[in-house]
Protein backbone atom coordinates (compact mmCIF):
# COMPACT_ATOMS: atom_id res chain seq x y z
CA MET A 1 41.39 53.53 9.61
CA LYS A 2 42.55 51.06 6.90
CA SER A 3 45.29 49.75 9.23
CA ILE A 4 42.04 48.40 11.70
CA GLN A 5 40.53 46.93 8.57
CA LEU A 6 43.61 45.38 7.38
CA LYS A 7 43.74 43.66 11.02
CA ARG A 8 40.38 42.72 11.10
CA LEU A 9 40.77 40.88 7.89
CA ALA A 10 43.94 39.00 8.89
CA ALA A 11 42.12 38.04 11.91
CA PHE A 12 39.32 36.66 10.04
CA ALA A 13 41.56 34.81 7.31
CA LEU A 14 43.56 33.38 10.83
CA LEU A 15 40.22 32.29 12.15
CA LEU A 16 38.68 30.69 9.00
CA PRO A 17 40.77 27.87 9.00
CA LEU A 18 40.23 27.00 12.80
CA LEU A 19 36.52 27.16 11.97
CA ALA A 20 36.76 25.07 8.78
CA SER A 21 38.40 22.62 11.50
CA CYS A 22 35.73 21.84 13.82
CA ALA A 23 33.53 19.17 13.76
CA ARG A 24 30.37 18.46 15.95
CA ILE A 25 29.83 15.00 17.02
CA ASP A 26 26.40 14.68 18.27
CA ALA A 27 25.11 12.31 20.90
CA GLY A 28 24.35 8.54 19.78
CA HIS A 29 27.23 8.61 16.96
CA VAL A 30 30.90 7.61 17.14
CA GLY A 31 33.33 10.13 15.22
CA LEU A 32 36.46 8.77 13.48
CA VAL A 33 39.53 10.56 12.84
CA VAL A 34 41.18 9.73 10.03
CA ASN A 35 44.60 10.60 8.90
CA LEU A 36 44.53 11.30 4.96
CA TYR A 37 48.58 11.53 4.80
CA GLY A 38 51.68 10.36 6.70
CA SER A 39 52.83 6.83 7.99
CA LYS A 40 49.86 6.99 10.33
CA ARG A 41 47.05 7.37 7.70
CA GLY A 42 44.12 5.43 8.84
CA VAL A 43 41.88 5.36 11.54
CA GLN A 44 43.71 7.16 14.03
CA ASP A 45 41.02 7.33 17.09
CA VAL A 46 37.58 6.21 17.69
CA ALA A 47 36.11 8.53 20.58
CA GLU A 48 31.91 8.26 21.67
CA VAL A 49 32.23 12.01 22.45
CA THR A 50 29.38 14.52 21.72
CA GLY A 51 30.17 18.49 21.18
CA PHE A 52 32.49 19.90 18.89
CA VAL A 53 36.32 18.23 17.50
CA TRP A 54 38.95 20.14 16.30
CA TYR A 55 41.19 18.85 13.61
CA ASN A 56 43.53 19.45 10.43
CA PRO A 57 41.05 19.39 7.56
CA MET A 58 44.62 19.34 5.40
CA THR A 59 45.41 16.24 6.64
CA THR A 60 42.56 14.56 8.66
CA ARG A 61 38.90 14.00 7.95
CA ILE A 62 35.87 13.15 10.25
CA TYR A 63 33.75 10.52 9.81
CA GLU A 64 30.34 9.86 12.06
CA PHE A 65 28.81 6.50 12.55
CA PRO A 66 25.18 6.86 13.87
CA THR A 67 24.84 3.88 17.09
CA PHE A 68 21.35 4.10 17.08
CA VAL A 69 19.20 1.89 15.26
CA GLN A 70 18.59 2.35 11.79
CA ASN A 71 16.18 1.15 9.20
CA VAL A 72 16.39 -0.04 5.48
CA VAL A 73 13.84 -1.29 3.13
CA PHE A 74 14.78 -3.96 0.14
CA THR A 75 11.82 -3.91 -2.57
CA ASP A 76 10.94 -3.70 -5.95
CA GLY A 77 8.77 -0.94 -5.55
CA ARG A 78 9.63 2.67 -4.47
CA ASN A 79 6.41 3.01 -2.57
CA GLU A 80 7.81 1.40 0.55
CA GLY A 81 11.05 3.84 0.92
CA SER A 82 13.45 1.63 -1.51
CA THR A 83 15.22 3.99 -4.43
CA SER A 84 15.35 1.36 -6.85
CA GLN A 85 14.32 -2.22 -7.30
CA GLU A 86 16.40 -3.96 -4.20
CA GLY A 87 13.77 -6.98 -3.54
CA PHE A 88 15.40 -10.34 -3.18
CA ARG A 89 15.11 -13.09 -5.49
CA VAL A 90 15.98 -17.01 -4.43
CA THR A 91 16.02 -20.08 -5.98
CA THR A 92 14.22 -22.76 -4.38
CA LYS A 93 15.03 -26.62 -4.17
CA ASP A 94 12.78 -27.51 -6.99
CA GLY A 95 14.79 -24.80 -9.26
CA LEU A 96 11.86 -21.93 -9.11
CA SER A 97 12.45 -18.57 -8.70
CA VAL A 98 10.81 -16.55 -5.39
CA ALA A 99 10.76 -12.75 -4.92
CA PHE A 100 10.19 -11.11 -1.71
CA ASP A 101 10.65 -7.72 0.14
CA ILE A 102 11.79 -7.02 3.39
CA SER A 103 12.98 -4.30 6.14
CA LEU A 104 15.52 -4.43 8.48
CA ASN A 105 16.24 -2.40 11.98
CA TYR A 106 19.69 -3.06 12.39
CA ARG A 107 22.42 -0.77 14.71
CA VAL A 108 26.62 -0.61 14.66
CA ASP A 109 28.32 -1.89 17.81
CA PRO A 110 30.06 1.49 19.15
CA GLY A 111 33.30 -0.85 19.67
CA GLN A 112 33.32 -2.27 16.06
CA VAL A 113 32.94 0.97 14.24
CA SER A 114 36.92 1.42 13.57
CA LYS A 115 37.15 -2.15 12.28
CA ILE A 116 34.35 -1.65 10.13
CA PHE A 117 35.85 1.63 8.58
CA VAL A 118 39.20 -0.03 8.43
CA LYS A 119 37.60 -3.25 6.52
CA TYR A 120 35.61 -1.18 4.11
CA ARG A 121 36.25 2.18 3.80
CA LYS A 122 32.34 3.48 3.15
CA PRO A 123 30.34 5.56 5.38
CA LEU A 124 27.01 3.45 6.69
CA HIS A 125 24.74 4.63 4.40
CA GLU A 126 26.92 3.03 1.71
CA LEU A 127 27.53 -0.14 3.46
CA ASP A 128 23.62 -1.18 4.18
CA ARG A 129 22.91 -1.32 0.60
CA THR A 130 26.12 -2.91 -0.77
CA ILE A 131 28.19 -5.19 1.62
CA MET A 132 25.04 -5.91 3.99
CA ARG A 133 22.51 -6.57 1.27
CA ASN A 134 25.27 -8.93 -0.40
CA PHE A 135 25.04 -10.89 3.10
CA LEU A 136 21.03 -11.17 3.54
CA ARG A 137 21.08 -12.44 -0.31
CA ASP A 138 23.43 -14.99 0.82
CA ALA A 139 21.59 -16.16 3.79
CA TYR A 140 18.28 -15.94 1.71
CA ASN A 141 19.49 -18.15 -0.86
CA GLU A 142 21.39 -20.75 1.46
CA VAL A 143 17.76 -21.03 3.87
CA SER A 144 15.47 -21.31 0.52
CA GLY A 145 17.67 -24.04 -1.05
CA ARG A 146 16.07 -26.45 1.30
CA TYR A 147 12.81 -25.77 0.50
CA THR A 148 10.58 -26.23 -2.78
CA ALA A 149 8.46 -23.20 -3.85
CA GLU A 150 5.10 -24.70 -2.41
CA GLN A 151 6.98 -25.38 0.83
CA LEU A 152 8.56 -21.80 1.18
CA TYR A 153 4.78 -20.62 0.48
CA GLU A 154 3.44 -22.70 3.21
CA ASN A 155 6.45 -22.17 5.83
CA LYS A 156 7.18 -18.56 5.20
CA ASN A 157 7.26 -18.03 9.03
CA LYS A 158 9.86 -20.91 9.43
CA PHE A 159 11.97 -19.58 6.64
CA MET A 160 12.44 -15.91 7.32
CA GLU A 161 13.15 -17.17 11.40
CA GLU A 162 16.02 -19.28 9.65
CA ALA A 163 17.18 -16.70 7.59
CA GLU A 164 17.19 -14.30 10.45
CA LYS A 165 19.30 -16.21 12.42
CA GLN A 166 21.72 -16.89 9.61
CA ILE A 167 21.77 -12.87 8.80
CA SER A 168 22.08 -12.11 12.81
CA ASN A 169 25.18 -14.42 12.54
CA ARG A 170 26.79 -13.38 9.81
CA LEU A 171 26.83 -9.31 10.39
CA GLY A 172 27.19 -9.77 13.49
CA ARG A 173 30.80 -11.09 12.76
CA GLU A 174 31.05 -7.81 11.05
CA GLY A 175 29.89 -5.75 13.73
CA PHE A 176 26.26 -5.14 13.31
CA ILE A 177 23.77 -6.09 15.68
CA VAL A 178 20.28 -7.23 13.87
CA GLU A 179 17.39 -6.02 15.78
CA GLN A 180 14.74 -7.13 13.27
CA VAL A 181 13.74 -8.67 9.86
CA VAL A 182 10.48 -8.12 8.43
CA LEU A 183 8.66 -9.52 5.34
CA LEU A 184 7.22 -7.01 3.66
CA ASN A 185 3.97 -8.22 1.55
CA GLU A 186 3.24 -11.54 0.20
CA LEU A 187 5.95 -13.94 -1.38
CA ARG A 188 6.02 -13.68 -5.28
CA LEU A 189 6.05 -16.93 -6.81
CA PRO A 190 5.04 -18.15 -10.34
CA LYS A 191 1.77 -18.29 -11.89
CA SER A 192 1.74 -21.86 -12.09
CA VAL A 193 2.69 -22.57 -8.40
CA MET A 194 0.37 -20.19 -7.39
CA ALA A 195 -2.28 -21.87 -9.11
CA ASN A 196 -1.53 -25.10 -7.28
CA ILE A 197 -1.40 -23.78 -4.21
CA ASP A 198 -4.82 -22.27 -4.51
CA ALA A 199 -6.57 -25.14 -6.00
CA LYS A 200 -5.15 -27.27 -2.88
CA ILE A 201 -6.42 -24.65 -0.77
CA ASN A 202 -9.72 -24.53 -2.34
CA ALA A 203 -9.81 -28.59 -2.14
CA ARG A 204 -8.96 -28.53 1.64
CA GLN A 205 -11.69 -25.54 2.22
CA ILE A 206 -14.38 -27.79 0.39
CA ALA A 207 -13.36 -30.99 2.23
CA LEU A 208 -13.36 -29.03 5.66
CA LYS A 209 -16.83 -27.83 4.56
CA LYS A 210 -18.09 -31.49 4.24
CA GLU A 211 -16.48 -33.01 7.39
CA GLN A 212 -18.65 -30.05 9.04
CA GLU A 213 -21.50 -30.81 7.01
CA VAL A 214 -21.21 -34.72 8.18
CA ALA A 215 -20.59 -33.73 12.04
CA GLN A 216 -23.47 -31.46 12.17
CA GLU A 217 -25.65 -34.33 10.87
CA ARG A 218 -24.29 -36.95 12.89
CA ALA A 219 -24.77 -34.46 15.87
CA GLU A 220 -28.53 -33.81 14.76
CA ALA A 221 -28.96 -37.77 14.51
CA GLN A 222 -27.10 -37.97 18.15
CA LYS A 223 -29.86 -35.44 19.23
CA SER A 224 -32.83 -37.19 17.82
CA ILE A 225 -31.50 -40.45 19.84
CA GLU A 226 -31.28 -38.89 22.52
CA GLN A 227 -34.86 -37.55 22.50
CA ALA A 228 -36.02 -40.92 21.76
CA LYS A 229 -34.16 -42.38 24.63
CA GLY A 230 -35.51 -39.55 26.86
CA ALA A 231 -38.97 -40.26 25.93
CA ALA A 232 -38.68 -43.93 26.37
CA GLU A 233 -37.59 -43.84 29.50
CA SER A 234 -40.38 -41.34 30.38
CA ILE A 235 -42.76 -43.89 29.46
CA ARG A 236 -40.67 -46.52 31.35
CA ILE A 237 -40.98 -44.36 34.77
CA ARG A 238 -44.52 -43.70 34.42
CA ALA A 239 -45.84 -47.37 33.60
CA GLU A 240 -43.59 -48.36 36.66
CA ALA A 241 -45.08 -45.74 38.82
CA GLU A 242 -48.47 -47.23 37.80
CA ALA A 243 -47.63 -50.76 38.09
CA ASN A 244 -45.85 -50.05 42.16
CA ALA A 245 -49.14 -48.25 42.60
CA ASN A 246 -51.42 -50.68 41.78
CA ARG A 247 -49.59 -53.39 43.38
CA VAL A 248 -49.80 -51.03 46.48
CA VAL A 249 -53.66 -50.91 46.17
CA ALA A 250 -53.89 -54.95 45.79
CA GLU A 251 -51.79 -55.48 48.57
CA SER A 252 -53.82 -53.42 50.74
CA ILE A 253 -56.80 -55.18 50.00
CA SER A 254 -57.81 -57.77 52.45
CA PRO A 255 -61.02 -60.02 53.49
CA ASN A 256 -61.52 -58.42 56.83
CA LEU A 257 -61.14 -54.97 54.67
CA ILE A 258 -63.70 -56.31 52.19
CA GLU A 259 -66.05 -56.89 55.18
CA TYR A 260 -65.49 -53.35 56.87
CA GLU A 261 -66.50 -52.02 53.40
CA LYS A 262 -69.76 -53.95 53.30
CA VAL A 263 -70.41 -52.97 56.96
CA LYS A 264 -69.90 -49.33 56.06
CA LYS A 265 -72.42 -49.57 53.27
CA TRP A 266 -75.22 -51.96 55.16
CA ASP A 267 -78.34 -49.40 55.74
CA GLY A 268 -79.27 -51.84 59.05
CA LYS A 269 -82.34 -53.60 57.87
CA ASN A 270 -82.17 -57.08 57.17
CA PRO A 271 -83.04 -57.87 53.35
CA GLN A 272 -86.97 -59.41 52.79
CA TYR A 273 -87.61 -62.78 51.07
CA VAL A 274 -89.78 -63.31 48.51
CA GLY A 275 -90.91 -66.99 47.92
CA THR A 276 -92.73 -68.78 45.01
CA GLY A 277 -93.57 -72.20 47.10
CA THR A 278 -91.54 -75.42 47.34
CA GLY A 279 -88.89 -75.88 45.09
CA GLY A 280 -89.12 -72.13 43.92
CA ALA A 281 -87.05 -69.57 43.55
CA VAL A 282 -86.42 -67.15 46.13
CA PHE A 283 -85.67 -63.42 45.75
CA PHE A 284 -84.57 -60.66 48.15
CA LYS A 285 -85.90 -57.85 47.59
CA GLY A 286 -84.32 -54.73 49.70
CA GLN A 287 -86.71 -51.92 51.46
């Protein structure tokens, strides 16, 4: 009985190293087999595999690099997912400081994983908050130097687009593919700059309101003019119509028509004459 137990213990002892030397590389990852000792220490192989990988834990180590999209947030507050104050702060052309937070979506080029590891010797979750953040900071500072603080605020979309191009180019050379860079919240500018910007915005709003009021007054005045023109045109048309009617009537009256109208009104009796003698007045007396 004891011999059986000893055999089981021996088998387990032999199996234990085998279990310890097995790793599973999930889909969407690149596995790196790294030699820790010997003349070939370094990155030995890169394989996009799934399932189990057997290796000697005494002389080699397995690293996994995810190749699907990663998201990392750089903010000054922890409510956005940042573990510490990791927001960016840049200097503008007029020497002022502007702060902001961003969210970065990126992924690793599977064909560049070994190059990334050989160069930096760090897992991916350590690279994005160190090496990659430095690339982002340099790109933002380079682009922000083309703008004053007010210009940066007024052209923040253009600023972000230019910076994203710089970031994509720089990280692309390192083996990272940038999917999207998003500005979180608003730019944080000095209070004096924000006061000037607010004053300009209020002035523009007041001027716009005045322009709208003037445009409305002009529209109402033009409406009154058009209404007056319409009324005058209506009077003119009626006057012309009446004049034309009178002209037609006048043109239709002729001597024959007058005689005809007299005949229509005659009752068939001759008028009676009443005289007062020679040289006296004569009166006509109808029946």
